[in-house]
Amino acid sequence: MDTKNAAPSTAPLASVADASASFGTGRVFIFVGPAAVGKNTIIKRVMQDMPALKRLPTATTRPPRDGEQEGIDHFFVTLPQFQKLDAEGKLLESEEVHSGSWYGVVRQPTEAGFRAGDMLVADIDIKGAMTLKRAYPQQIVTIFVLPPSAEALARRIRKRGGASEEEMEKRLARAQYELDRADECDHQVVNDDVERCTAEVREIVQREIDQAKAQQK
């Protein structure tokens, strides 16, 4: 697989595209939004307040960041390992989000969570989120985290640093691409105040959990 030019993987979805109803009452709450919008801060706060939620680790070829744990935040793999997982149909979707960094949702823990009735949380890019939503419309709940403004987001991205000007421009373009697709998600929240935004997300998640429980009766 030529990872520089390869399109996102969709072949594994052939076996699950019409199978959503056969899975259990578990849910995956996918947080979508551009880098530096504050998704992980909100995820951590919501999970602290709602202990029933579990993190769904995704596979990635990028190195671990400070505080990230193998098998909890991500499955950290080499590029050849990632390609092998994809070729074997063990990834439900895969995407090169930043130059050289691939991400993918692993089939086994995702479907096992559905069947066990788990309430899972993941941070996935917009393409991957929509791929999963199409495959599992009943189990996937997408929440797009918006910045107060595009200008505020650009300041946050530049403040992070750690990239050349060319790479920075790519990140800004990627951010705008994601913002342009925000209305494709089930819910949108604005992270203008982290406490208020977290409270809004908690309400969304609780409503979805209550609906899932009602289906069991």
N, C-alpha and C. Protein backbone atom coordinates (compact mmCIF):
# COMPACT_ATOMS: atom_id res chain seq x y z
N MET A 1 0.85 -1.20 0.00
CA MET A 1 0.00 0.00 0.00
C MET A 1 0.87 1.23 0.00
N ASP A 2 0.64 2.11 -0.95
CA ASP A 2 1.37 3.36 -1.02
C ASP A 2 0.68 4.35 -0.09
N THR A 3 1.20 4.52 1.12
CA THR A 3 0.53 5.34 2.11
C THR A 3 0.56 6.81 1.79
N LYS A 4 1.41 7.24 0.90
CA LYS A 4 1.44 8.65 0.54
C LYS A 4 0.27 9.04 -0.35
N ASN A 5 -0.22 8.08 -1.16
CA ASN A 5 -1.27 8.40 -2.10
C ASN A 5 -2.53 7.56 -1.89
N ALA A 6 -2.47 6.68 -0.91
CA ALA A 6 -3.60 5.78 -0.74
C ALA A 6 -4.82 6.51 -0.24
N ALA A 7 -6.00 6.11 -0.75
CA ALA A 7 -7.25 6.67 -0.26
C ALA A 7 -7.61 5.98 1.05
N PRO A 8 -8.49 6.59 1.87
CA PRO A 8 -8.93 5.94 3.10
C PRO A 8 -9.50 4.57 2.81
N SER A 9 -9.21 3.62 3.69
CA SER A 9 -9.66 2.25 3.48
C SER A 9 -11.16 2.14 3.68
N THR A 10 -11.86 1.51 2.72
CA THR A 10 -13.28 1.27 2.86
C THR A 10 -13.64 -0.18 2.63
N ALA A 11 -12.69 -0.98 2.15
CA ALA A 11 -12.98 -2.37 1.83
C ALA A 11 -13.55 -3.15 3.02
N PRO A 12 -13.01 -3.01 4.25
CA PRO A 12 -13.54 -3.78 5.36
C PRO A 12 -15.00 -3.49 5.66
N LEU A 13 -15.53 -2.36 5.20
CA LEU A 13 -16.90 -2.01 5.52
C LEU A 13 -17.91 -2.84 4.74
N ALA A 14 -17.48 -3.54 3.72
CA ALA A 14 -18.42 -4.29 2.91
C ALA A 14 -19.21 -5.29 3.75
N SER A 15 -18.57 -5.86 4.78
CA SER A 15 -19.22 -6.88 5.59
C SER A 15 -20.07 -6.31 6.70
N VAL A 16 -20.00 -4.99 6.93
CA VAL A 16 -20.76 -4.42 8.03
C VAL A 16 -21.71 -3.32 7.61
N ALA A 17 -21.70 -2.94 6.34
CA ALA A 17 -22.48 -1.78 5.91
C ALA A 17 -23.96 -1.91 6.22
N ASP A 18 -24.52 -3.13 6.16
CA ASP A 18 -25.94 -3.32 6.42
C ASP A 18 -26.19 -4.09 7.71
N ALA A 19 -25.19 -4.14 8.59
CA ALA A 19 -25.29 -5.01 9.75
C ALA A 19 -25.48 -4.28 11.06
N SER A 20 -25.72 -2.99 11.02
CA SER A 20 -25.79 -2.20 12.26
C SER A 20 -26.81 -2.76 13.23
N ALA A 21 -27.97 -3.14 12.73
CA ALA A 21 -29.04 -3.59 13.62
C ALA A 21 -28.70 -4.89 14.34
N SER A 22 -27.73 -5.65 13.85
CA SER A 22 -27.39 -6.93 14.46
C SER A 22 -26.50 -6.76 15.68
N PHE A 23 -26.02 -5.55 15.94
CA PHE A 23 -25.16 -5.31 17.09
C PHE A 23 -26.01 -4.91 18.28
N GLY A 24 -25.36 -4.85 19.45
CA GLY A 24 -26.09 -4.59 20.68
C GLY A 24 -26.41 -3.13 20.89
N THR A 25 -26.63 -2.78 22.15
CA THR A 25 -27.06 -1.44 22.49
C THR A 25 -25.90 -0.54 22.89
N GLY A 26 -24.66 -0.99 22.70
CA GLY A 26 -23.52 -0.14 22.99
C GLY A 26 -23.48 1.05 22.06
N ARG A 27 -22.73 2.06 22.47
CA ARG A 27 -22.59 3.27 21.67
C ARG A 27 -21.12 3.70 21.64
N VAL A 28 -20.74 4.35 20.55
CA VAL A 28 -19.45 5.04 20.52
C VAL A 28 -19.73 6.51 20.29
N PHE A 29 -19.35 7.32 21.25
CA PHE A 29 -19.48 8.77 21.13
C PHE A 29 -18.19 9.29 20.49
N ILE A 30 -18.30 9.68 19.24
CA ILE A 30 -17.12 10.15 18.50
C ILE A 30 -17.05 11.67 18.56
N PHE A 31 -15.96 12.15 19.12
CA PHE A 31 -15.73 13.59 19.18
C PHE A 31 -14.93 14.00 17.94
N VAL A 32 -15.48 14.93 17.21
CA VAL A 32 -14.90 15.36 15.95
C VAL A 32 -14.60 16.86 16.04
N GLY A 33 -13.57 17.28 15.37
CA GLY A 33 -13.24 18.70 15.34
C GLY A 33 -11.78 18.89 15.02
N PRO A 34 -11.41 20.08 14.61
CA PRO A 34 -10.02 20.34 14.23
C PRO A 34 -9.08 20.28 15.42
N ALA A 35 -7.80 20.14 15.12
CA ALA A 35 -6.78 20.15 16.16
C ALA A 35 -6.84 21.46 16.92
N ALA A 36 -6.54 21.40 18.22
CA ALA A 36 -6.46 22.57 19.10
C ALA A 36 -7.81 23.15 19.49
N VAL A 37 -8.90 22.44 19.17
CA VAL A 37 -10.23 22.94 19.53
C VAL A 37 -10.61 22.57 20.96
N GLY A 38 -9.85 21.65 21.57
CA GLY A 38 -10.11 21.28 22.96
C GLY A 38 -10.87 19.98 23.15
N LYS A 39 -10.88 19.11 22.14
CA LYS A 39 -11.63 17.86 22.24
C LYS A 39 -11.18 16.99 23.42
N ASN A 40 -9.87 16.81 23.56
CA ASN A 40 -9.38 15.91 24.60
C ASN A 40 -9.65 16.44 26.00
N THR A 41 -9.60 17.75 26.17
CA THR A 41 -9.94 18.33 27.47
C THR A 41 -11.38 18.03 27.82
N ILE A 42 -12.27 18.20 26.86
CA ILE A 42 -13.69 17.93 27.10
C ILE A 42 -13.92 16.44 27.35
N ILE A 43 -13.27 15.59 26.55
CA ILE A 43 -13.41 14.15 26.74
C ILE A 43 -13.00 13.75 28.16
N LYS A 44 -11.86 14.23 28.61
CA LYS A 44 -11.37 13.88 29.94
C LYS A 44 -12.34 14.34 31.03
N ARG A 45 -12.87 15.54 30.89
CA ARG A 45 -13.80 16.06 31.90
C ARG A 45 -15.11 15.28 31.92
N VAL A 46 -15.62 14.96 30.74
CA VAL A 46 -16.87 14.20 30.67
C VAL A 46 -16.68 12.80 31.24
N MET A 47 -15.55 12.18 30.93
CA MET A 47 -15.30 10.83 31.44
C MET A 47 -15.10 10.83 32.95
N GLN A 48 -14.54 11.89 33.50
CA GLN A 48 -14.40 11.99 34.95
C GLN A 48 -15.77 12.09 35.62
N ASP A 49 -16.68 12.80 34.96
CA ASP A 49 -18.02 12.99 35.52
C ASP A 49 -18.94 11.80 35.27
N MET A 50 -18.62 10.99 34.26
CA MET A 50 -19.48 9.86 33.88
C MET A 50 -18.63 8.61 33.81
N PRO A 51 -18.38 7.97 34.97
CA PRO A 51 -17.44 6.83 35.03
C PRO A 51 -17.83 5.62 34.20
N ALA A 52 -19.10 5.56 33.76
CA ALA A 52 -19.52 4.42 32.93
C ALA A 52 -18.90 4.48 31.54
N LEU A 53 -18.42 5.65 31.13
CA LEU A 53 -17.81 5.80 29.81
C LEU A 53 -16.42 5.18 29.78
N LYS A 54 -16.09 4.58 28.65
CA LYS A 54 -14.78 3.97 28.46
C LYS A 54 -14.15 4.53 27.18
N ARG A 55 -12.85 4.66 27.20
CA ARG A 55 -12.14 5.15 26.02
C ARG A 55 -12.00 4.01 25.00
N LEU A 56 -12.27 4.30 23.74
CA LEU A 56 -12.02 3.34 22.66
C LEU A 56 -10.69 3.69 22.03
N PRO A 57 -9.65 2.88 22.26
CA PRO A 57 -8.35 3.21 21.68
C PRO A 57 -8.34 2.97 20.17
N THR A 58 -7.72 3.89 19.44
CA THR A 58 -7.56 3.72 18.01
C THR A 58 -6.10 3.41 17.70
N ALA A 59 -5.87 2.80 16.56
CA ALA A 59 -4.49 2.51 16.16
C ALA A 59 -3.88 3.74 15.51
N THR A 60 -2.61 3.98 15.78
CA THR A 60 -1.93 5.11 15.16
C THR A 60 -0.45 4.81 14.97
N THR A 61 0.10 5.42 13.92
CA THR A 61 1.54 5.25 13.67
C THR A 61 2.37 6.37 14.29
N ARG A 62 1.72 7.37 14.87
CA ARG A 62 2.51 8.45 15.49
C ARG A 62 3.01 8.01 16.86
N PRO A 63 4.07 8.62 17.36
CA PRO A 63 4.60 8.26 18.68
C PRO A 63 3.68 8.73 19.80
N PRO A 64 3.75 8.10 20.96
CA PRO A 64 2.91 8.52 22.09
C PRO A 64 3.25 9.93 22.55
N ARG A 65 2.23 10.66 22.99
CA ARG A 65 2.43 11.96 23.60
C ARG A 65 2.50 11.77 25.12
N ASP A 66 2.93 12.81 25.80
CA ASP A 66 3.05 12.74 27.26
C ASP A 66 1.72 12.34 27.88
N GLY A 67 1.76 11.32 28.72
CA GLY A 67 0.58 10.88 29.45
C GLY A 67 -0.26 9.85 28.73
N GLU A 68 0.00 9.60 27.45
CA GLU A 68 -0.79 8.62 26.72
C GLU A 68 -0.33 7.20 27.05
N GLN A 69 -1.29 6.27 27.12
CA GLN A 69 -0.99 4.90 27.50
C GLN A 69 -1.38 3.93 26.39
N GLU A 70 -0.53 2.95 26.16
CA GLU A 70 -0.77 1.92 25.17
C GLU A 70 -2.02 1.12 25.55
N GLY A 71 -2.92 0.96 24.56
CA GLY A 71 -4.12 0.17 24.79
C GLY A 71 -5.24 0.92 25.48
N ILE A 72 -4.97 2.14 25.93
CA ILE A 72 -6.00 2.95 26.58
C ILE A 72 -6.32 4.15 25.69
N ASP A 73 -5.30 4.93 25.37
CA ASP A 73 -5.51 6.07 24.47
C ASP A 73 -5.42 5.62 23.01
N HIS A 74 -4.41 4.82 22.70
CA HIS A 74 -4.19 4.33 21.35
C HIS A 74 -3.47 2.99 21.40
N PHE A 75 -3.50 2.30 20.25
CA PHE A 75 -2.58 1.20 20.00
C PHE A 75 -1.47 1.79 19.13
N PHE A 76 -0.29 1.92 19.68
CA PHE A 76 0.81 2.54 18.95
C PHE A 76 1.54 1.47 18.14
N VAL A 77 1.52 1.63 16.82
CA VAL A 77 2.07 0.62 15.92
C VAL A 77 2.99 1.27 14.91
N THR A 78 3.82 0.45 14.29
CA THR A 78 4.67 0.94 13.20
C THR A 78 3.84 1.00 11.93
N LEU A 79 4.34 1.67 10.92
CA LEU A 79 3.62 1.75 9.65
C LEU A 79 3.41 0.36 9.03
N PRO A 80 4.42 -0.53 9.00
CA PRO A 80 4.17 -1.88 8.47
C PRO A 80 3.10 -2.63 9.27
N GLN A 81 3.08 -2.47 10.59
CA GLN A 81 2.05 -3.12 11.40
C GLN A 81 0.67 -2.57 11.06
N PHE A 82 0.60 -1.26 10.87
CA PHE A 82 -0.67 -0.63 10.52
C PHE A 82 -1.17 -1.14 9.17
N GLN A 83 -0.27 -1.21 8.21
CA GLN A 83 -0.64 -1.70 6.89
C GLN A 83 -1.14 -3.14 6.95
N LYS A 84 -0.52 -3.95 7.81
CA LYS A 84 -0.93 -5.35 7.96
C LYS A 84 -2.33 -5.43 8.56
N LEU A 85 -2.61 -4.62 9.57
CA LEU A 85 -3.94 -4.60 10.16
C LEU A 85 -4.99 -4.22 9.12
N ASP A 86 -4.67 -3.23 8.31
CA ASP A 86 -5.60 -2.77 7.28
C ASP A 86 -5.82 -3.85 6.23
N ALA A 87 -4.74 -4.48 5.77
CA ALA A 87 -4.84 -5.51 4.73
C ALA A 87 -5.63 -6.72 5.20
N GLU A 88 -5.58 -7.00 6.50
CA GLU A 88 -6.28 -8.15 7.06
C GLU A 88 -7.72 -7.83 7.44
N GLY A 89 -8.16 -6.62 7.16
CA GLY A 89 -9.54 -6.26 7.47
C GLY A 89 -9.81 -6.02 8.94
N LYS A 90 -8.76 -5.75 9.70
CA LYS A 90 -8.93 -5.55 11.15
C LYS A 90 -9.18 -4.08 11.50
N LEU A 91 -9.14 -3.20 10.50
CA LEU A 91 -9.46 -1.80 10.71
C LEU A 91 -10.79 -1.49 10.02
N LEU A 92 -11.66 -0.79 10.72
CA LEU A 92 -12.94 -0.40 10.13
C LEU A 92 -12.78 0.80 9.21
N GLU A 93 -11.77 1.60 9.46
CA GLU A 93 -11.45 2.73 8.58
C GLU A 93 -10.02 3.14 8.89
N SER A 94 -9.39 3.81 7.93
CA SER A 94 -8.03 4.31 8.15
C SER A 94 -7.86 5.60 7.38
N GLU A 95 -7.04 6.50 7.94
CA GLU A 95 -6.88 7.81 7.34
C GLU A 95 -5.54 8.41 7.75
N GLU A 96 -4.86 9.03 6.79
CA GLU A 96 -3.65 9.79 7.09
C GLU A 96 -4.10 11.20 7.47
N VAL A 97 -4.13 11.48 8.77
CA VAL A 97 -4.67 12.75 9.25
C VAL A 97 -3.65 13.87 9.11
N HIS A 98 -2.42 13.62 9.52
CA HIS A 98 -1.34 14.58 9.34
C HIS A 98 -0.25 13.87 8.55
N SER A 99 0.63 14.61 7.93
CA SER A 99 1.66 14.02 7.08
C SER A 99 2.43 12.93 7.81
N GLY A 100 2.29 11.71 7.31
CA GLY A 100 3.03 10.59 7.88
C GLY A 100 2.39 9.93 9.07
N SER A 101 1.29 10.46 9.58
CA SER A 101 0.63 9.87 10.76
C SER A 101 -0.71 9.27 10.35
N TRP A 102 -0.80 7.95 10.48
CA TRP A 102 -2.01 7.23 10.13
C TRP A 102 -2.79 6.86 11.38
N TYR A 103 -4.11 6.90 11.26
CA TYR A 103 -5.01 6.51 12.34
C TYR A 103 -6.03 5.52 11.80
N GLY A 104 -6.50 4.63 12.65
CA GLY A 104 -7.52 3.69 12.24
C GLY A 104 -8.29 3.16 13.43
N VAL A 105 -9.56 2.81 13.20
CA VAL A 105 -10.41 2.23 14.25
C VAL A 105 -10.35 0.72 14.13
N VAL A 106 -9.99 0.07 15.22
CA VAL A 106 -9.81 -1.38 15.22
C VAL A 106 -11.17 -2.05 15.38
N ARG A 107 -11.44 -3.01 14.51
CA ARG A 107 -12.75 -3.66 14.47
C ARG A 107 -13.11 -4.38 15.77
N GLN A 108 -12.21 -5.23 16.27
CA GLN A 108 -12.58 -6.14 17.37
C GLN A 108 -13.07 -5.42 18.63
N PRO A 109 -12.32 -4.46 19.19
CA PRO A 109 -12.81 -3.81 20.41
C PRO A 109 -14.06 -2.97 20.18
N THR A 110 -14.22 -2.46 18.96
CA THR A 110 -15.41 -1.65 18.66
C THR A 110 -16.66 -2.52 18.66
N GLU A 111 -16.64 -3.60 17.90
CA GLU A 111 -17.82 -4.45 17.81
C GLU A 111 -18.07 -5.19 19.12
N ALA A 112 -17.01 -5.54 19.83
CA ALA A 112 -17.18 -6.18 21.14
C ALA A 112 -17.87 -5.22 22.11
N GLY A 113 -17.51 -3.95 22.04
CA GLY A 113 -18.15 -2.95 22.88
C GLY A 113 -19.62 -2.79 22.57
N PHE A 114 -19.97 -2.81 21.29
CA PHE A 114 -21.39 -2.73 20.91
C PHE A 114 -22.18 -3.86 21.56
N ARG A 115 -21.65 -5.07 21.42
CA ARG A 115 -22.38 -6.24 21.90
C ARG A 115 -22.46 -6.29 23.42
N ALA A 116 -21.46 -5.75 24.08
CA ALA A 116 -21.45 -5.75 25.55
C ALA A 116 -22.28 -4.62 26.13
N GLY A 117 -22.78 -3.73 25.28
CA GLY A 117 -23.55 -2.60 25.77
C GLY A 117 -22.69 -1.49 26.35
N ASP A 118 -21.41 -1.47 25.98
CA ASP A 118 -20.49 -0.46 26.51
C ASP A 118 -20.79 0.92 25.91
N MET A 119 -20.46 1.94 26.69
CA MET A 119 -20.56 3.32 26.23
C MET A 119 -19.12 3.82 26.03
N LEU A 120 -18.71 3.92 24.78
CA LEU A 120 -17.32 4.19 24.45
C LEU A 120 -17.14 5.62 23.92
N VAL A 121 -15.95 6.13 24.07
CA VAL A 121 -15.62 7.48 23.63
C VAL A 121 -14.38 7.42 22.74
N ALA A 122 -14.40 8.16 21.64
CA ALA A 122 -13.24 8.19 20.74
C ALA A 122 -13.09 9.57 20.12
N ASP A 123 -11.88 9.90 19.75
CA ASP A 123 -11.55 11.14 19.04
C ASP A 123 -11.10 10.73 17.65
N ILE A 124 -11.95 10.99 16.63
CA ILE A 124 -11.70 10.51 15.28
C ILE A 124 -11.94 11.66 14.30
N ASP A 125 -11.17 11.70 13.22
CA ASP A 125 -11.34 12.76 12.24
C ASP A 125 -12.68 12.62 11.52
N ILE A 126 -13.08 13.68 10.83
CA ILE A 126 -14.42 13.75 10.24
C ILE A 126 -14.66 12.65 9.20
N LYS A 127 -13.65 12.33 8.39
CA LYS A 127 -13.85 11.27 7.38
C LYS A 127 -14.11 9.93 8.04
N GLY A 128 -13.28 9.60 9.03
CA GLY A 128 -13.45 8.34 9.72
C GLY A 128 -14.77 8.28 10.47
N ALA A 129 -15.14 9.38 11.10
CA ALA A 129 -16.41 9.42 11.84
C ALA A 129 -17.59 9.16 10.92
N MET A 130 -17.59 9.77 9.74
CA MET A 130 -18.70 9.58 8.81
C MET A 130 -18.72 8.17 8.22
N THR A 131 -17.53 7.60 8.02
CA THR A 131 -17.47 6.22 7.55
C THR A 131 -18.11 5.28 8.57
N LEU A 132 -17.78 5.47 9.83
CA LEU A 132 -18.34 4.62 10.88
C LEU A 132 -19.83 4.88 11.06
N LYS A 133 -20.26 6.13 10.94
CA LYS A 133 -21.68 6.45 11.08
C LYS A 133 -22.50 5.75 10.00
N ARG A 134 -21.97 5.70 8.79
CA ARG A 134 -22.68 5.02 7.72
C ARG A 134 -22.76 3.51 7.98
N ALA A 135 -21.71 2.96 8.56
CA ALA A 135 -21.67 1.52 8.79
C ALA A 135 -22.50 1.11 10.00
N TYR A 136 -22.52 1.96 11.03
CA TYR A 136 -23.23 1.64 12.28
C TYR A 136 -24.10 2.82 12.69
N PRO A 137 -25.13 3.12 11.95
CA PRO A 137 -25.92 4.33 12.23
C PRO A 137 -26.59 4.34 13.60
N GLN A 138 -26.92 3.17 14.13
CA GLN A 138 -27.57 3.12 15.44
C GLN A 138 -26.58 3.24 16.59
N GLN A 139 -25.36 2.82 16.38
CA GLN A 139 -24.39 2.75 17.48
C GLN A 139 -23.46 3.95 17.57
N ILE A 140 -23.30 4.68 16.48
CA ILE A 140 -22.35 5.80 16.46
C ILE A 140 -23.07 7.11 16.70
N VAL A 141 -22.56 7.89 17.65
CA VAL A 141 -23.08 9.23 17.93
C VAL A 141 -21.93 10.22 17.71
N THR A 142 -22.09 11.14 16.78
CA THR A 142 -21.01 12.07 16.47
C THR A 142 -21.27 13.44 17.09
N ILE A 143 -20.25 13.98 17.75
CA ILE A 143 -20.32 15.27 18.42
C ILE A 143 -19.19 16.15 17.88
N PHE A 144 -19.54 17.20 17.17
CA PHE A 144 -18.52 18.09 16.61
C PHE A 144 -18.27 19.23 17.59
N VAL A 145 -17.00 19.42 17.94
CA VAL A 145 -16.60 20.50 18.84
C VAL A 145 -16.10 21.67 17.99
N LEU A 146 -16.82 22.77 18.07
CA LEU A 146 -16.49 23.98 17.31
C LEU A 146 -15.71 24.96 18.15
N PRO A 147 -14.84 25.75 17.53
CA PRO A 147 -14.16 26.83 18.26
C PRO A 147 -15.09 28.04 18.33
N PRO A 148 -14.78 29.02 19.19
CA PRO A 148 -15.59 30.24 19.23
C PRO A 148 -15.61 30.95 17.88
N SER A 149 -14.50 30.87 17.15
CA SER A 149 -14.40 31.47 15.81
C SER A 149 -13.23 30.82 15.08
N ALA A 150 -13.21 30.95 13.77
CA ALA A 150 -12.09 30.43 12.98
C ALA A 150 -10.80 31.14 13.34
N GLU A 151 -10.91 32.42 13.65
CA GLU A 151 -9.72 33.19 14.02
C GLU A 151 -9.14 32.71 15.33
N ALA A 152 -10.01 32.42 16.31
CA ALA A 152 -9.53 31.92 17.60
C ALA A 152 -8.85 30.57 17.44
N LEU A 153 -9.41 29.73 16.56
CA LEU A 153 -8.80 28.43 16.32
C LEU A 153 -7.43 28.58 15.68
N ALA A 154 -7.30 29.47 14.70
CA ALA A 154 -6.01 29.69 14.03
C ALA A 154 -4.95 30.13 15.04
N ARG A 155 -5.34 30.97 15.99
CA ARG A 155 -4.40 31.41 17.02
C ARG A 155 -3.95 30.24 17.87
N ARG A 156 -4.90 29.36 18.23
CA ARG A 156 -4.57 28.19 19.05
C ARG A 156 -3.60 27.26 18.31
N ILE A 157 -3.87 27.05 17.02
CA ILE A 157 -3.02 26.15 16.24
C ILE A 157 -1.61 26.71 16.13
N ARG A 158 -1.50 28.00 15.85
CA ARG A 158 -0.17 28.61 15.75
C ARG A 158 0.55 28.63 17.09
N LYS A 159 -0.20 28.79 18.16
CA LYS A 159 0.41 28.82 19.50
C LYS A 159 1.04 27.48 19.85
N ARG A 160 0.47 26.39 19.32
CA ARG A 160 1.03 25.07 19.57
C ARG A 160 2.45 24.94 19.02
N GLY A 161 2.69 25.58 17.87
CA GLY A 161 4.02 25.54 17.27
C GLY A 161 4.41 24.13 16.86
N GLY A 162 5.74 23.89 16.83
CA GLY A 162 6.25 22.57 16.52
C GLY A 162 6.13 22.17 15.07
N ALA A 163 5.98 23.15 14.16
CA ALA A 163 5.84 22.82 12.74
C ALA A 163 6.38 23.96 11.90
N SER A 164 6.82 23.62 10.69
CA SER A 164 7.27 24.63 9.75
C SER A 164 6.07 25.44 9.28
N GLU A 165 6.34 26.56 8.63
CA GLU A 165 5.24 27.39 8.13
C GLU A 165 4.41 26.63 7.11
N GLU A 166 5.07 25.81 6.28
CA GLU A 166 4.34 25.02 5.29
C GLU A 166 3.41 24.02 5.97
N GLU A 167 3.92 23.35 7.00
CA GLU A 167 3.11 22.39 7.73
C GLU A 167 1.98 23.10 8.48
N MET A 168 2.28 24.27 9.01
CA MET A 168 1.27 25.04 9.72
C MET A 168 0.12 25.40 8.79
N GLU A 169 0.44 25.80 7.55
CA GLU A 169 -0.60 26.13 6.58
C GLU A 169 -1.45 24.91 6.25
N LYS A 170 -0.83 23.74 6.19
CA LYS A 170 -1.58 22.50 5.95
C LYS A 170 -2.54 22.23 7.10
N ARG A 171 -2.07 22.47 8.33
CA ARG A 171 -2.93 22.23 9.50
C ARG A 171 -4.11 23.19 9.50
N LEU A 172 -3.87 24.43 9.13
CA LEU A 172 -4.95 25.41 9.07
C LEU A 172 -5.96 25.05 7.99
N ALA A 173 -5.47 24.58 6.86
CA ALA A 173 -6.36 24.16 5.77
C ALA A 173 -7.17 22.95 6.20
N ARG A 174 -6.52 22.03 6.91
CA ARG A 174 -7.23 20.84 7.41
C ARG A 174 -8.31 21.26 8.40
N ALA A 175 -7.99 22.20 9.26
CA ALA A 175 -8.96 22.67 10.24
C ALA A 175 -10.19 23.26 9.55
N GLN A 176 -9.98 24.06 8.52
CA GLN A 176 -11.10 24.65 7.80
C GLN A 176 -11.94 23.59 7.11
N TYR A 177 -11.27 22.58 6.57
CA TYR A 177 -11.98 21.46 5.93
C TYR A 177 -12.92 20.78 6.93
N GLU A 178 -12.42 20.55 8.15
CA GLU A 178 -13.26 19.90 9.16
C GLU A 178 -14.41 20.81 9.57
N LEU A 179 -14.13 22.10 9.77
CA LEU A 179 -15.19 23.04 10.16
C LEU A 179 -16.30 23.09 9.11
N ASP A 180 -15.93 23.00 7.86
CA ASP A 180 -16.92 23.05 6.78
C ASP A 180 -17.86 21.85 6.79
N ARG A 181 -17.48 20.78 7.50
CA ARG A 181 -18.31 19.58 7.53
C ARG A 181 -18.99 19.36 8.89
N ALA A 182 -18.96 20.36 9.74
CA ALA A 182 -19.49 20.22 11.10
C ALA A 182 -20.96 19.80 11.11
N ASP A 183 -21.75 20.31 10.15
CA ASP A 183 -23.18 20.02 10.19
C ASP A 183 -23.52 18.59 9.78
N GLU A 184 -22.52 17.81 9.40
CA GLU A 184 -22.76 16.40 9.10
C GLU A 184 -22.88 15.56 10.38
N CYS A 185 -22.45 16.13 11.50
CA CYS A 185 -22.46 15.39 12.77
C CYS A 185 -23.84 15.48 13.44
N ASP A 186 -24.09 14.55 14.34
CA ASP A 186 -25.38 14.50 15.05
C ASP A 186 -25.57 15.71 15.95
N HIS A 187 -24.49 16.15 16.57
CA HIS A 187 -24.56 17.27 17.51
C HIS A 187 -23.37 18.20 17.27
N GLN A 188 -23.57 19.49 17.52
CA GLN A 188 -22.48 20.46 17.48
C GLN A 188 -22.48 21.25 18.78
N VAL A 189 -21.30 21.43 19.36
CA VAL A 189 -21.15 22.23 20.57
C VAL A 189 -20.01 23.23 20.33
N VAL A 190 -20.12 24.39 20.94
CA VAL A 190 -19.10 25.43 20.79
C VAL A 190 -18.27 25.49 22.06
N ASN A 191 -16.98 25.31 21.92
CA ASN A 191 -16.08 25.35 23.07
C ASN A 191 -15.60 26.79 23.31
N ASP A 192 -16.54 27.65 23.71
CA ASP A 192 -16.19 29.02 24.06
C ASP A 192 -15.90 29.15 25.55
N ASP A 193 -16.39 28.18 26.31
CA ASP A 193 -16.13 28.09 27.74
C ASP A 193 -16.12 26.61 28.08
N VAL A 194 -15.01 26.11 28.57
CA VAL A 194 -14.86 24.66 28.72
C VAL A 194 -15.86 24.08 29.72
N GLU A 195 -16.18 24.80 30.79
CA GLU A 195 -17.14 24.29 31.77
C GLU A 195 -18.53 24.19 31.15
N ARG A 196 -18.95 25.25 30.47
CA ARG A 196 -20.27 25.23 29.85
C ARG A 196 -20.36 24.18 28.76
N CYS A 197 -19.30 24.08 27.95
CA CYS A 197 -19.28 23.11 26.86
C CYS A 197 -19.31 21.69 27.39
N THR A 198 -18.55 21.43 28.45
CA THR A 198 -18.54 20.10 29.05
C THR A 198 -19.92 19.73 29.57
N ALA A 199 -20.60 20.67 30.20
CA ALA A 199 -21.94 20.42 30.71
C ALA A 199 -22.91 20.09 29.57
N GLU A 200 -22.78 20.79 28.45
CA GLU A 200 -23.64 20.53 27.30
C GLU A 200 -23.38 19.14 26.74
N VAL A 201 -22.11 18.76 26.67
CA VAL A 201 -21.77 17.43 26.16
C VAL A 201 -22.30 16.35 27.11
N ARG A 202 -22.19 16.56 28.40
CA ARG A 202 -22.72 15.59 29.37
C ARG A 202 -24.22 15.35 29.13
N GLU A 203 -24.95 16.42 28.89
CA GLU A 203 -26.39 16.30 28.64
C GLU A 203 -26.65 15.48 27.38
N ILE A 204 -25.88 15.75 26.34
CA ILE A 204 -26.04 15.01 25.08
C ILE A 204 -25.77 13.52 25.30
N VAL A 205 -24.66 13.23 25.95
CA VAL A 205 -24.29 11.83 26.19
C VAL A 205 -25.33 11.13 27.05
N GLN A 206 -25.81 11.79 28.10
CA GLN A 206 -26.80 11.16 28.98
C GLN A 206 -28.10 10.87 28.24
N ARG A 207 -28.53 11.79 27.37
CA ARG A 207 -29.75 11.54 26.59
C ARG A 207 -29.58 10.31 25.70
N GLU A 208 -28.43 10.22 25.06
CA GLU A 208 -28.18 9.07 24.18
C GLU A 208 -28.12 7.77 24.96
N ILE A 209 -27.52 7.80 26.15
CA ILE A 209 -27.46 6.61 27.00
C ILE A 209 -28.87 6.20 27.42
N ASP A 210 -29.67 7.18 27.81
CA ASP A 210 -31.05 6.88 28.22
C ASP A 210 -31.83 6.26 27.07
N GLN A 211 -31.63 6.76 25.86
CA GLN A 211 -32.32 6.19 24.71
C GLN A 211 -31.88 4.76 24.45
N ALA A 212 -30.57 4.50 24.61
CA ALA A 212 -30.05 3.15 24.41
C ALA A 212 -30.65 2.19 25.44
N LYS A 213 -30.75 2.65 26.68
CA LYS A 213 -31.34 1.80 27.73
C LYS A 213 -32.81 1.52 27.45
N ALA A 214 -33.51 2.53 26.92
CA ALA A 214 -34.92 2.35 26.61
C ALA A 214 -35.12 1.29 25.55
N GLN A 215 -34.17 1.14 24.65
CA GLN A 215 -34.27 0.13 23.60
C GLN A 215 -34.16 -1.28 24.16
N GLN A 216 -33.54 -1.41 25.33
CA GLN A 216 -33.37 -2.73 25.93
C GLN A 216 -34.66 -3.24 26.56
N LYS A 217 -35.58 -2.34 26.84
CA LYS A 217 -36.81 -2.73 27.53
C LYS A 217 -37.83 -3.31 26.57
